[in-house]
Amino acid sequence: MYWTNYITESVEKQSRDGVVFADSFCYFDSNAILVEGSLGNLYLAAALRDAGFQVNILDCCLGNERYSLEQSFYRQTPLPNGMVRIGMAPENIIKEVADYDIIGISSIFTPQTYMVEELVKLISHAYPDKLIIMGGINARTQMKRFFDAGAHLICISEAEKTIVEIGNILREGSRDFSGLSGVAFTQDGRIKVNPMGPIEDNLDLLPIPARDLLPLDRIWKIARPHGGVISIGQLDKPLPYVSAVTSRGCPYICTFCHISGEQKGADTGYIGKFRFQSVERVERELVSIQELGAHDIYIEDDSLLAKKKRALDIFRMMIKFGFKLGDVNGV
């Protein structure tokens, strides 16, 4: 699944502050169907909400209360390549995003390309006037493909500030993003990339991800996290889990990884140096996770163990809160 953040009221009413982050339905092997997710969209949703915009989340694989799981996650459409398409029917996705002015779509990994491209085409054909914004390393790497599909803007780095600036420009009645840092767009048939502004070094200043907007009851009922080890028999009962990131970037310079290139600034974007949340900031987020009722945390840091003492402090804190640690990235 990819997360679709949406703001919805009625089919007839347009919300001028509406921002929709549309993350696609999914393609899986029929024997390996999992719940995926994007923490990036949750950070963006929190930033927009803090700035006074209306934000909510629709998962195109999980749907919302208007759709049963049989109409979403357990709805499987066979594909010619032997895989299956998981998620809401296209007409229902179109219905859910009908009232919103901004639609944001993330693409992080190469295998997401085709399904995300199809989602961009679906929405852009149904609503040519809606602003479609994209982000994620895969979107940045394949700009032409996604612009051809119907995207209008592609963020080339972290976008907590950028997405709010985009919203403010639209609030002023403009769609001129030529002076906005950190975005790519097409102009006279060519792709133009505006340079990045300063990257936020202090991760403590970023909002806590808006996990409260997720359909957690559905995610936990399905109990199929996209990574980590699940105990035998766990799939027969709910798994109250969330994902979390406590740092951004990586201290290493592996030539096969986009992170090392983008730390210096590459054609695909710029992510800045390796940065950490303070242990105190991590604790505040753990409190918010505990309030949601989650028991397991899947750490998504690219290099969680880069600083041993800090990692041990976080692990001790998780034990204090009674959390179990899922093994996903950097562990």
C-alpha atoms as a PDB file:
ATOM      1  CA  MET A   1       0.000   0.000   0.000  1.00  0.00           C
ATOM      2  CA  TYR A   2       1.012   3.551  -0.345  1.00  0.00           C
ATOM      3  CA  TRP A   3      -0.731   6.167   1.728  1.00  0.00           C
ATOM      4  CA  THR A   4      -3.252   8.509   0.096  1.00  0.00           C
ATOM      5  CA  ASN A   5      -3.736  11.597   2.183  1.00  0.00           C
ATOM      6  CA  TYR A   6      -6.969  13.218   1.220  1.00  0.00           C
ATOM      7  CA  ILE A   7      -9.404  15.842   2.381  1.00  0.00           C
ATOM      8  CA  THR A   8     -12.994  15.020   1.547  1.00  0.00           C
ATOM      9  CA  GLU A   9     -16.339  16.656   2.166  1.00  0.00           C
ATOM     10  CA  SER A  10     -18.930  16.281  -0.611  1.00  0.00           C
ATOM     11  CA  VAL A  11     -18.802  15.664  -4.341  1.00  0.00           C
ATOM     12  CA  GLU A  12     -20.155  19.133  -5.056  1.00  0.00           C
ATOM     13  CA  LYS A  13     -17.929  21.115  -2.686  1.00  0.00           C
ATOM     14  CA  GLN A  14     -14.354  22.135  -3.469  1.00  0.00           C
ATOM     15  CA  SER A  15     -12.045  22.681  -0.478  1.00  0.00           C
ATOM     16  CA  ARG A  16      -9.568  25.411  -1.393  1.00  0.00           C
ATOM     17  CA  ASP A  17      -7.251  24.241   1.395  1.00  0.00           C
ATOM     18  CA  GLY A  18      -7.588  20.570   0.434  1.00  0.00           C
ATOM     19  CA  VAL A  19      -4.377  18.589   0.008  1.00  0.00           C
ATOM     20  CA  VAL A  20      -4.455  14.964  -1.067  1.00  0.00           C
ATOM     21  CA  PHE A  21      -1.316  12.777  -0.865  1.00  0.00           C
ATOM     22  CA  ALA A  22      -2.279   9.879  -3.098  1.00  0.00           C
ATOM     23  CA  ASP A  23      -0.145   6.782  -2.716  1.00  0.00           C
ATOM     24  CA  SER A  24      -1.066   3.970  -5.008  1.00  0.00           C
ATOM     25  CA  PHE A  25      -2.793   0.640  -4.935  1.00  0.00           C
ATOM     26  CA  CYS A  26      -0.246  -2.236  -4.993  1.00  0.00           C
ATOM     27  CA  TYR A  27       0.967  -5.086  -7.143  1.00  0.00           C
ATOM     28  CA  PHE A  28       2.150  -8.226  -5.337  1.00  0.00           C
ATOM     29  CA  ASP A  29       2.913 -11.852  -5.876  1.00  0.00           C
ATOM     30  CA  SER A  30      -0.198 -13.618  -4.604  1.00  0.00           C
ATOM     31  CA  ASN A  31       1.900 -15.406  -1.955  1.00  0.00           C
ATOM     32  CA  ALA A  32       3.527 -12.233  -0.599  1.00  0.00           C
ATOM     33  CA  ILE A  33       0.812  -9.634  -0.035  1.00  0.00           C
ATOM     34  CA  LEU A  34       1.824  -7.155   2.686  1.00  0.00           C
ATOM     35  CA  VAL A  35       0.793  -3.787   4.094  1.00  0.00           C
ATOM     36  CA  GLU A  36       3.258  -1.131   3.005  1.00  0.00           C
ATOM     37  CA  GLY A  37       3.375   2.534   3.912  1.00  0.00           C
ATOM     38  CA  SER A  38       5.169   5.856   3.616  1.00  0.00           C
ATOM     39  CA  LEU A  39       6.288   7.731   6.700  1.00  0.00           C
ATOM     40  CA  GLY A  40       7.167  10.656   4.458  1.00  0.00           C
ATOM     41  CA  ASN A  41       3.524  11.380   3.751  1.00  0.00           C
ATOM     42  CA  LEU A  42       2.749  11.320   7.467  1.00  0.00           C
ATOM     43  CA  TYR A  43       5.394  13.993   8.086  1.00  0.00           C
ATOM     44  CA  LEU A  44       3.925  16.093   5.266  1.00  0.00           C
ATOM     45  CA  ALA A  45       0.406  15.643   6.598  1.00  0.00           C
ATOM     46  CA  ALA A  46       1.540  16.796  10.039  1.00  0.00           C
ATOM     47  CA  ALA A  47       3.305  19.848   8.579  1.00  0.00           C
ATOM     48  CA  LEU A  48       0.208  20.827   6.612  1.00  0.00           C
ATOM     49  CA  ARG A  49      -2.070  20.314   9.580  1.00  0.00           C
ATOM     50  CA  ASP A  50       0.165  22.467  11.763  1.00  0.00           C
ATOM     51  CA  ALA A  51      -0.064  25.174   9.072  1.00  0.00           C
ATOM     52  CA  GLY A  52      -3.858  25.124   9.174  1.00  0.00           C
ATOM     53  CA  PHE A  53      -4.630  22.968   6.146  1.00  0.00           C
ATOM     54  CA  GLN A  54      -7.223  20.213   6.158  1.00  0.00           C
ATOM     55  CA  VAL A  55      -5.550  16.806   5.938  1.00  0.00           C
ATOM     56  CA  ASN A  56      -6.631  13.216   6.290  1.00  0.00           C
ATOM     57  CA  ILE A  57      -5.419   9.854   5.039  1.00  0.00           C
ATOM     58  CA  LEU A  58      -6.926   7.358   2.661  1.00  0.00           C
ATOM     59  CA  ASP A  59      -5.003   4.186   1.979  1.00  0.00           C
ATOM     60  CA  CYS A  60      -5.713   3.023  -1.572  1.00  0.00           C
ATOM     61  CA  CYS A  61      -5.008  -0.551  -0.514  1.00  0.00           C
ATOM     62  CA  LEU A  62      -6.987  -0.400   2.732  1.00  0.00           C
ATOM     63  CA  GLY A  63      -9.708   2.126   1.898  1.00  0.00           C
ATOM     64  CA  ASN A  64     -11.663   3.792   4.670  1.00  0.00           C
ATOM     65  CA  GLU A  65     -14.849   3.191   6.634  1.00  0.00           C
ATOM     66  CA  ARG A  66     -16.920   3.461   3.446  1.00  0.00           C
ATOM     67  CA  TYR A  67     -15.250   0.359   2.012  1.00  0.00           C
ATOM     68  CA  SER A  68     -14.932  -3.100   3.495  1.00  0.00           C
ATOM     69  CA  LEU A  69     -11.570  -4.851   3.414  1.00  0.00           C
ATOM     70  CA  GLU A  70     -13.107  -7.125   0.781  1.00  0.00           C
ATOM     71  CA  GLN A  71     -13.488  -3.985  -1.352  1.00  0.00           C
ATOM     72  CA  SER A  72      -9.903  -2.916  -0.742  1.00  0.00           C
ATOM     73  CA  PHE A  73      -7.071  -5.010   0.702  1.00  0.00           C
ATOM     74  CA  TYR A  74      -8.650  -8.387  -0.075  1.00  0.00           C
ATOM     75  CA  ARG A  75      -9.804  -7.224  -3.506  1.00  0.00           C
ATOM     76  CA  GLN A  76      -7.379  -8.949  -5.881  1.00  0.00           C
ATOM     77  CA  THR A  77      -7.287  -8.413  -9.638  1.00  0.00           C
ATOM     78  CA  PRO A  78      -5.043 -10.856 -11.565  1.00  0.00           C
ATOM     79  CA  LEU A  79      -2.464  -9.236 -13.875  1.00  0.00           C
ATOM     80  CA  PRO A  80      -0.951 -10.663 -17.079  1.00  0.00           C
ATOM     81  CA  ASN A  81       2.481 -11.022 -15.437  1.00  0.00           C
ATOM     82  CA  GLY A  82       1.122 -13.380 -12.771  1.00  0.00           C
ATOM     83  CA  MET A  83       0.964 -10.783 -10.010  1.00  0.00           C
ATOM     84  CA  VAL A  84      -2.217  -9.372  -8.486  1.00  0.00           C
ATOM     85  CA  ARG A  85      -3.417  -5.800  -8.060  1.00  0.00           C
ATOM     86  CA  ILE A  86      -4.446  -5.047  -4.463  1.00  0.00           C
ATOM     87  CA  GLY A  87      -6.669  -2.183  -3.437  1.00  0.00           C
ATOM     88  CA  MET A  88      -9.686  -0.033  -4.087  1.00  0.00           C
ATOM     89  CA  ALA A  89     -11.416   0.041  -7.443  1.00  0.00           C
ATOM     90  CA  PRO A  90     -10.210   2.943  -9.629  1.00  0.00           C
ATOM     91  CA  GLU A  91     -13.655   4.552  -9.662  1.00  0.00           C
ATOM     92  CA  ASN A  92     -13.673   4.635  -5.860  1.00  0.00           C
ATOM     93  CA  ILE A  93     -10.247   6.286  -5.736  1.00  0.00           C
ATOM     94  CA  ILE A  94     -11.525   8.942  -8.134  1.00  0.00           C
ATOM     95  CA  LYS A  95     -14.554   9.482  -5.922  1.00  0.00           C
ATOM     96  CA  GLU A  96     -12.434   9.895  -2.782  1.00  0.00           C
ATOM     97  CA  VAL A  97     -10.119  12.560  -4.224  1.00  0.00           C
ATOM     98  CA  ALA A  98     -12.878  14.460  -6.016  1.00  0.00           C
ATOM     99  CA  ASP A  99     -13.036  17.483  -3.727  1.00  0.00           C
ATOM    100  CA  TYR A 100      -9.409  18.386  -3.339  1.00  0.00           C
ATOM    101  CA  ASP A 101      -7.168  20.830  -5.097  1.00  0.00           C
ATOM    102  CA  ILE A 102      -3.755  19.290  -4.366  1.00  0.00           C
ATOM    103  CA  ILE A 103      -2.932  15.610  -4.827  1.00  0.00           C
ATOM    104  CA  GLY A 104       0.472  14.392  -3.656  1.00  0.00           C
ATOM    105  CA  ILE A 105       1.797  11.032  -4.824  1.00  0.00           C
ATOM    106  CA  SER A 106       4.977   9.391  -3.549  1.00  0.00           C
ATOM    107  CA  SER A 107       7.178   6.859  -5.327  1.00  0.00           C
ATOM    108  CA  ILE A 108      10.141   5.596  -3.338  1.00  0.00           C
ATOM    109  CA  PHE A 109      11.189   2.304  -4.932  1.00  0.00           C
ATOM    110  CA  THR A 110      11.639   1.172  -8.538  1.00  0.00           C
ATOM    111  CA  PRO A 111       9.015  -1.633  -8.319  1.00  0.00           C
ATOM    112  CA  GLN A 112       6.423   1.052  -7.533  1.00  0.00           C
ATOM    113  CA  THR A 113       6.964   2.813 -10.861  1.00  0.00           C
ATOM    114  CA  TYR A 114       4.229   1.277 -12.979  1.00  0.00           C
ATOM    115  CA  MET A 115       1.505   1.252 -10.329  1.00  0.00           C
ATOM    116  CA  VAL A 116       2.216   4.850  -9.306  1.00  0.00           C
ATOM    117  CA  GLU A 117       2.358   5.925 -12.942  1.00  0.00           C
ATOM    118  CA  GLU A 118      -1.071   4.366 -13.461  1.00  0.00           C
ATOM    119  CA  LEU A 119      -2.429   6.251 -10.446  1.00  0.00           C
ATOM    120  CA  VAL A 120      -1.082   9.561 -11.775  1.00  0.00           C
ATOM    121  CA  LYS A 121      -2.705   8.880 -15.149  1.00  0.00           C
ATOM    122  CA  LEU A 122      -5.977   7.854 -13.512  1.00  0.00           C
ATOM    123  CA  ILE A 123      -6.276  11.051 -11.485  1.00  0.00           C
ATOM    124  CA  SER A 124      -4.896  13.452 -14.101  1.00  0.00           C
ATOM    125  CA  HIS A 125      -7.285  12.152 -16.749  1.00  0.00           C
ATOM    126  CA  ALA A 126     -10.269  12.405 -14.406  1.00  0.00           C
ATOM    127  CA  TYR A 127      -9.291  15.829 -13.009  1.00  0.00           C
ATOM    128  CA  PRO A 128      -6.978  17.728 -15.404  1.00  0.00           C
ATOM    129  CA  ASP A 129      -7.138  20.899 -13.280  1.00  0.00           C
ATOM    130  CA  LYS A 130      -6.024  19.340  -9.996  1.00  0.00           C
ATOM    131  CA  LEU A 131      -2.403  19.988  -8.999  1.00  0.00           C
ATOM    132  CA  ILE A 132      -0.483  16.699  -8.793  1.00  0.00           C
ATOM    133  CA  ILE A 133       2.701  16.841  -6.703  1.00  0.00           C
ATOM    134  CA  MET A 134       5.163  13.962  -6.453  1.00  0.00           C
ATOM    135  CA  GLY A 135       8.066  13.099  -4.186  1.00  0.00           C
ATOM    136  CA  GLY A 136      10.428  10.245  -3.361  1.00  0.00           C
ATOM    137  CA  ILE A 137      13.699   9.050  -4.864  1.00  0.00           C
ATOM    138  CA  ASN A 138      11.988   7.059  -7.629  1.00  0.00           C
ATOM    139  CA  ALA A 139       9.891  10.059  -8.648  1.00  0.00           C
ATOM    140  CA  ARG A 140      13.011  12.248  -8.694  1.00  0.00           C
ATOM    141  CA  THR A 141      14.928   9.692 -10.749  1.00  0.00           C
ATOM    142  CA  GLN A 142      12.194   9.269 -13.364  1.00  0.00           C
ATOM    143  CA  MET A 143      10.910  12.830 -13.662  1.00  0.00           C
ATOM    144  CA  LYS A 144      10.110  12.741 -17.379  1.00  0.00           C
ATOM    145  CA  ARG A 145       8.077   9.580 -17.054  1.00  0.00           C
ATOM    146  CA  PHE A 146       5.926  10.990 -14.258  1.00  0.00           C
ATOM    147  CA  PHE A 147       5.572  14.411 -15.875  1.00  0.00           C
ATOM    148  CA  ASP A 148       4.405  12.651 -19.046  1.00  0.00           C
ATOM    149  CA  ALA A 149       1.875  10.735 -16.937  1.00  0.00           C
ATOM    150  CA  GLY A 150       0.374  13.983 -15.629  1.00  0.00           C
ATOM    151  CA  ALA A 151       2.385  15.209 -12.617  1.00  0.00           C
ATOM    152  CA  HIS A 152       2.866  18.982 -12.300  1.00  0.00           C
ATOM    153  CA  LEU A 153       5.528  19.299  -9.572  1.00  0.00           C
ATOM    154  CA  ILE A 154       8.181  16.925  -8.233  1.00  0.00           C
ATOM    155  CA  CYS A 155       9.878  17.733  -4.917  1.00  0.00           C
ATOM    156  CA  ILE A 156      13.620  17.078  -5.111  1.00  0.00           C
ATOM    157  CA  SER A 157      14.280  16.774  -1.388  1.00  0.00           C
ATOM    158  CA  GLU A 158      12.610  16.725   2.022  1.00  0.00           C
ATOM    159  CA  ALA A 159       9.347  18.593   1.632  1.00  0.00           C
ATOM    160  CA  GLU A 160       7.897  19.467   5.054  1.00  0.00           C
ATOM    161  CA  LYS A 161       8.518  23.154   4.317  1.00  0.00           C
ATOM    162  CA  THR A 162       7.987  22.911   0.562  1.00  0.00           C
ATOM    163  CA  ILE A 163       4.509  21.404   0.787  1.00  0.00           C
ATOM    164  CA  VAL A 164       3.353  24.209   3.080  1.00  0.00           C
ATOM    165  CA  GLU A 165       4.825  26.802   0.711  1.00  0.00           C
ATOM    166  CA  ILE A 166       2.946  25.185  -2.181  1.00  0.00           C
ATOM    167  CA  GLY A 167      -0.270  25.324  -0.187  1.00  0.00           C
ATOM    168  CA  ASN A 168       0.283  28.982   0.659  1.00  0.00           C
ATOM    169  CA  ILE A 169       0.875  29.868  -3.007  1.00  0.00           C
ATOM    170  CA  LEU A 170      -2.423  28.218  -3.917  1.00  0.00           C
ATOM    171  CA  ARG A 171      -4.187  29.992  -1.052  1.00  0.00           C
ATOM    172  CA  GLU A 172      -3.108  33.256  -2.643  1.00  0.00           C
ATOM    173  CA  GLY A 173      -4.828  32.211  -5.862  1.00  0.00           C
ATOM    174  CA  SER A 174      -1.629  31.532  -7.800  1.00  0.00           C
ATOM    175  CA  ARG A 175      -0.122  28.479  -9.493  1.00  0.00           C
ATOM    176  CA  ASP A 176       3.216  30.099 -10.255  1.00  0.00           C
ATOM    177  CA  PHE A 177       5.911  27.931  -8.657  1.00  0.00           C
ATOM    178  CA  SER A 178       8.807  29.275 -10.717  1.00  0.00           C
ATOM    179  CA  GLY A 179      10.351  30.928  -7.654  1.00  0.00           C
ATOM    180  CA  LEU A 180       9.870  27.988  -5.281  1.00  0.00           C
ATOM    181  CA  SER A 181      13.036  26.222  -4.126  1.00  0.00           C
ATOM    182  CA  GLY A 182      13.366  22.458  -4.271  1.00  0.00           C
ATOM    183  CA  VAL A 183      10.833  21.598  -6.972  1.00  0.00           C
ATOM    184  CA  ALA A 184      10.947  20.451 -10.580  1.00  0.00           C
ATOM    185  CA  PHE A 185       8.294  21.278 -13.169  1.00  0.00           C
ATOM    186  CA  THR A 186       7.865  21.529 -16.922  1.00  0.00           C
ATOM    187  CA  GLN A 187       8.147  24.843 -18.737  1.00  0.00           C
ATOM    188  CA  ASP A 188       7.823  25.205 -22.509  1.00  0.00           C
ATOM    189  CA  GLY A 189       8.117  21.449 -22.878  1.00  0.00           C
ATOM    190  CA  ARG A 190      11.324  21.189 -20.838  1.00  0.00           C
ATOM    191  CA  ILE A 191      11.960  20.041 -17.285  1.00  0.00           C
ATOM    192  CA  LYS A 192      13.182  22.833 -15.025  1.00  0.00           C
ATOM    193  CA  VAL A 193      14.683  22.039 -11.607  1.00  0.00           C
ATOM    194  CA  ASN A 194      14.852  24.815  -9.021  1.00  0.00           C
ATOM    195  CA  PRO A 195      17.802  24.509  -6.599  1.00  0.00           C
ATOM    196  CA  MET A 196      17.183  23.383  -3.044  1.00  0.00           C
ATOM    197  CA  GLY A 197      17.042  25.810  -0.190  1.00  0.00           C
ATOM    198  CA  PRO A 198      18.655  24.984   3.180  1.00  0.00           C
ATOM    199  CA  ILE A 199      17.982  21.501   4.569  1.00  0.00           C
ATOM    200  CA  GLU A 200      16.682  21.415   8.155  1.00  0.00           C
ATOM    201  CA  ASP A 201      19.591  20.193  10.281  1.00  0.00           C
ATOM    202  CA  ASN A 202      17.587  20.034  13.521  1.00  0.00           C
ATOM    203  CA  LEU A 203      15.205  17.097  13.139  1.00  0.00           C
ATOM    204  CA  ASP A 204      13.670  17.946  16.517  1.00  0.00           C
ATOM    205  CA  LEU A 205      11.910  20.848  14.785  1.00  0.00           C
ATOM    206  CA  LEU A 206       9.992  18.543  12.449  1.00  0.00           C
ATOM    207  CA  PRO A 207       6.462  17.517  13.461  1.00  0.00           C
ATOM    208  CA  ILE A 208       5.632  14.094  14.834  1.00  0.00           C
ATOM    209  CA  PRO A 209       4.167  12.061  11.949  1.00  0.00           C
ATOM    210  CA  ALA A 210       0.368  12.179  11.763  1.00  0.00           C
ATOM    211  CA  ARG A 211      -0.156   8.483  12.509  1.00  0.00           C
ATOM    212  CA  ASP A 212      -3.535   9.269  14.053  1.00  0.00           C
ATOM    213  CA  LEU A 213      -4.821   9.797  10.506  1.00  0.00           C
ATOM    214  CA  LEU A 214      -4.012   6.222   9.467  1.00  0.00           C
ATOM    215  CA  PRO A 215      -6.629   3.435   9.411  1.00  0.00           C
ATOM    216  CA  LEU A 216      -4.754   1.698  12.220  1.00  0.00           C
ATOM    217  CA  ASP A 217      -7.599  -0.662  13.072  1.00  0.00           C
ATOM    218  CA  ARG A 218      -7.423  -2.088   9.552  1.00  0.00           C
ATOM    219  CA  ILE A 219      -3.625  -2.201   9.468  1.00  0.00           C
ATOM    220  CA  TRP A 220      -3.458  -3.987  12.801  1.00  0.00           C
ATOM    221  CA  LYS A 221      -6.260  -6.410  11.906  1.00  0.00           C
ATOM    222  CA  ILE A 222      -4.478  -7.491   8.716  1.00  0.00           C
ATOM    223  CA  ALA A 223      -1.200  -7.876  10.679  1.00  0.00           C
ATOM    224  CA  ARG A 224       1.128  -8.039   7.687  1.00  0.00           C
ATOM    225  CA  PRO A 225       3.902  -5.441   8.121  1.00  0.00           C
ATOM    226  CA  HIS A 226       6.081  -4.893   5.067  1.00  0.00           C
ATOM    227  CA  GLY A 227       9.261  -5.931   6.871  1.00  0.00           C
ATOM    228  CA  GLY A 228      10.571  -7.669   9.939  1.00  0.00           C
ATOM    229  CA  VAL A 229      10.015 -11.077  11.438  1.00  0.00           C
ATOM    230  CA  ILE A 230       6.538 -12.127  12.572  1.00  0.00           C
ATOM    231  CA  SER A 231       6.164 -14.886  15.159  1.00  0.00           C
ATOM    232  CA  ILE A 232       4.458 -18.098  14.084  1.00  0.00           C
ATOM    233  CA  GLY A 233       0.754 -17.749  14.737  1.00  0.00           C
ATOM    234  CA  GLN A 234       0.947 -13.941  14.825  1.00  0.00           C
ATOM    235  CA  LEU A 235      -1.043 -13.679  11.589  1.00  0.00           C
ATOM    236  CA  ASP A 236      -4.032 -15.186  13.398  1.00  0.00           C
ATOM    237  CA  LYS A 237      -4.379 -12.148  15.661  1.00  0.00           C
ATOM    238  CA  PRO A 238      -4.061  -8.360  15.383  1.00  0.00           C
ATOM    239  CA  LEU A 239      -0.586  -6.817  15.412  1.00  0.00           C
ATOM    240  CA  PRO A 240      -0.633  -3.248  16.810  1.00  0.00           C
ATOM    241  CA  TYR A 241       2.460  -1.800  15.140  1.00  0.00           C
ATOM    242  CA  VAL A 242       3.763   1.408  13.576  1.00  0.00           C
ATOM    243  CA  SER A 243       6.891   2.452  11.696  1.00  0.00           C
ATOM    244  CA  ALA A 244       9.269   5.158  12.907  1.00  0.00           C
ATOM    245  CA  VAL A 245      12.369   7.041  11.734  1.00  0.00           C
ATOM    246  CA  THR A 246      14.782   8.631  14.220  1.00  0.00           C
ATOM    247  CA  SER A 247      17.443   9.849  11.775  1.00  0.00           C
ATOM    248  CA  ARG A 248      17.847  10.867   8.144  1.00  0.00           C
ATOM    249  CA  GLY A 249      20.672  10.049   5.797  1.00  0.00           C
ATOM    250  CA  CYS A 250      23.669   7.794   6.311  1.00  0.00           C
ATOM    251  CA  PRO A 251      27.349   8.300   7.280  1.00  0.00           C
ATOM    252  CA  TYR A 252      28.661   5.967   4.569  1.00  0.00           C
ATOM    253  CA  ILE A 253      29.396   6.561   0.872  1.00  0.00           C
ATOM    254  CA  CYS A 254      28.351   3.318  -0.819  1.00  0.00           C
ATOM    255  CA  THR A 255      28.453   3.840  -4.583  1.00  0.00           C
ATOM    256  CA  PHE A 256      25.372   1.681  -5.204  1.00  0.00           C
ATOM    257  CA  CYS A 257      23.119   3.777  -2.934  1.00  0.00           C
ATOM    258  CA  HIS A 258      21.399   7.030  -3.874  1.00  0.00           C
ATOM    259  CA  ILE A 259      21.841   8.415  -0.333  1.00  0.00           C
ATOM    260  CA  SER A 260      25.606   8.940  -0.609  1.00  0.00           C
ATOM    261  CA  GLY A 261      25.210  10.822  -3.883  1.00  0.00           C
ATOM    262  CA  GLU A 262      22.321  12.947  -2.698  1.00  0.00           C
ATOM    263  CA  GLN A 263      24.174  13.963   0.453  1.00  0.00           C
ATOM    264  CA  LYS A 264      26.502  15.956  -1.795  1.00  0.00           C
ATOM    265  CA  GLY A 265      23.825  16.997  -4.256  1.00  0.00           C
ATOM    266  CA  ALA A 266      23.011  14.909  -7.320  1.00  0.00           C
ATOM    267  CA  ASP A 267      20.820  15.188 -10.387  1.00  0.00           C
ATOM    268  CA  THR A 268      18.176  13.208  -8.513  1.00  0.00           C
ATOM    269  CA  GLY A 269      18.044  15.550  -5.530  1.00  0.00           C
ATOM    270  CA  TYR A 270      19.713  16.629  -2.320  1.00  0.00           C
ATOM    271  CA  ILE A 271      19.115  15.241   1.159  1.00  0.00           C
ATOM    272  CA  GLY A 272      21.865  16.891   3.192  1.00  0.00           C
ATOM    273  CA  LYS A 273      24.151  15.384   5.793  1.00  0.00           C
ATOM    274  CA  PHE A 274      23.481  12.555   8.258  1.00  0.00           C
ATOM    275  CA  ARG A 275      21.179  13.929  10.992  1.00  0.00           C
ATOM    276  CA  PHE A 276      19.623  12.592  14.184  1.00  0.00           C
ATOM    277  CA  GLN A 277      16.658  13.341  16.371  1.00  0.00           C
ATOM    278  CA  SER A 278      17.661  13.891  19.972  1.00  0.00           C
ATOM    279  CA  VAL A 279      16.835  11.070  22.372  1.00  0.00           C
ATOM    280  CA  GLU A 280      14.375  13.468  24.047  1.00  0.00           C
ATOM    281  CA  ARG A 281      12.580  14.005  20.715  1.00  0.00           C
ATOM    282  CA  VAL A 282      12.431  10.241  20.178  1.00  0.00           C
ATOM    283  CA  GLU A 283      10.876   9.894  23.630  1.00  0.00           C
ATOM    284  CA  ARG A 284       8.130  12.395  22.753  1.00  0.00           C
ATOM    285  CA  GLU A 285       7.322  10.373  19.671  1.00  0.00           C
ATOM    286  CA  LEU A 286       7.249   7.140  21.664  1.00  0.00           C
ATOM    287  CA  VAL A 287       4.714   8.734  23.994  1.00  0.00           C
ATOM    288  CA  SER A 288       2.510   9.615  21.014  1.00  0.00           C
ATOM    289  CA  ILE A 289       2.838   6.062  19.666  1.00  0.00           C
ATOM    290  CA  GLN A 290       1.917   4.594  23.042  1.00  0.00           C
ATOM    291  CA  GLU A 291      -1.186   6.801  23.118  1.00  0.00           C
ATOM    292  CA  LEU A 292      -2.281   5.237  19.814  1.00  0.00           C
ATOM    293  CA  GLY A 293      -2.164   1.779  21.404  1.00  0.00           C
ATOM    294  CA  ALA A 294       0.721   0.352  19.362  1.00  0.00           C
ATOM    295  CA  HIS A 295       2.932  -2.364  20.876  1.00  0.00           C
ATOM    296  CA  ASP A 296       5.518  -2.977  18.126  1.00  0.00           C
ATOM    297  CA  ILE A 297       7.734  -0.419  16.362  1.00  0.00           C
ATOM    298  CA  TYR A 298       9.427  -1.089  13.038  1.00  0.00           C
ATOM    299  CA  ILE A 299      12.483   1.169  12.783  1.00  0.00           C
ATOM    300  CA  GLU A 300      13.018   2.526   9.250  1.00  0.00           C
ATOM    301  CA  ASP A 301      16.319   4.396   9.794  1.00  0.00           C
ATOM    302  CA  ASP A 302      18.892   3.768   7.087  1.00  0.00           C
ATOM    303  CA  SER A 303      21.638   3.642   9.756  1.00  0.00           C
ATOM    304  CA  LEU A 304      20.047   3.231  13.167  1.00  0.00           C
ATOM    305  CA  LEU A 305      23.223   1.696  14.614  1.00  0.00           C
ATOM    306  CA  ALA A 306      25.612   4.371  13.344  1.00  0.00           C
ATOM    307  CA  LYS A 307      25.898   5.817  16.859  1.00  0.00           C
ATOM    308  CA  LYS A 308      25.980   2.935  19.312  1.00  0.00           C
ATOM    309  CA  LYS A 309      25.298   4.857  22.537  1.00  0.00           C
ATOM    310  CA  ARG A 310      22.328   6.677  21.030  1.00  0.00           C
ATOM    311  CA  ALA A 311      20.899   3.435  19.656  1.00  0.00           C
ATOM    312  CA  LEU A 312      21.236   1.751  23.058  1.00  0.00           C
ATOM    313  CA  ASP A 313      19.524   4.716  24.734  1.00  0.00           C
ATOM    314  CA  ILE A 314      16.613   4.363  22.297  1.00  0.00           C
ATOM    315  CA  PHE A 315      16.396   0.600  22.849  1.00  0.00           C
ATOM    316  CA  ARG A 316      16.345   1.063  26.637  1.00  0.00           C
ATOM    317  CA  MET A 317      13.632   3.660  26.246  1.00  0.00           C
ATOM    318  CA  MET A 318      11.572   1.278  24.114  1.00  0.00           C
ATOM    319  CA  ILE A 319      11.911  -1.367  26.817  1.00  0.00           C
ATOM    320  CA  LYS A 320      10.772   1.176  29.405  1.00  0.00           C
ATOM    321  CA  PHE A 321       7.659   1.908  27.337  1.00  0.00           C
ATOM    322  CA  GLY A 322       7.025  -1.800  26.777  1.00  0.00           C
ATOM    323  CA  PHE A 323       7.557  -1.730  22.997  1.00  0.00           C
ATOM    324  CA  LYS A 324       8.846  -4.598  20.892  1.00  0.00           C
ATOM    325  CA  LEU A 325      11.367  -3.774  18.154  1.00  0.00           C
ATOM    326  CA  GLY A 326      10.702  -4.964  14.617  1.00  0.00           C
ATOM    327  CA  ASP A 327      13.754  -5.528  12.419  1.00  0.00           C
ATOM    328  CA  VAL A 328      13.404  -3.606   9.175  1.00  0.00           C
ATOM    329  CA  ASN A 329      16.165  -1.159   8.185  1.00  0.00           C
ATOM    330  CA  GLY A 330      19.609  -0.601   9.636  1.00  0.00           C
ATOM    331  CA  VAL A 331      19.186  -3.234  12.344  1.00  0.00           C
END
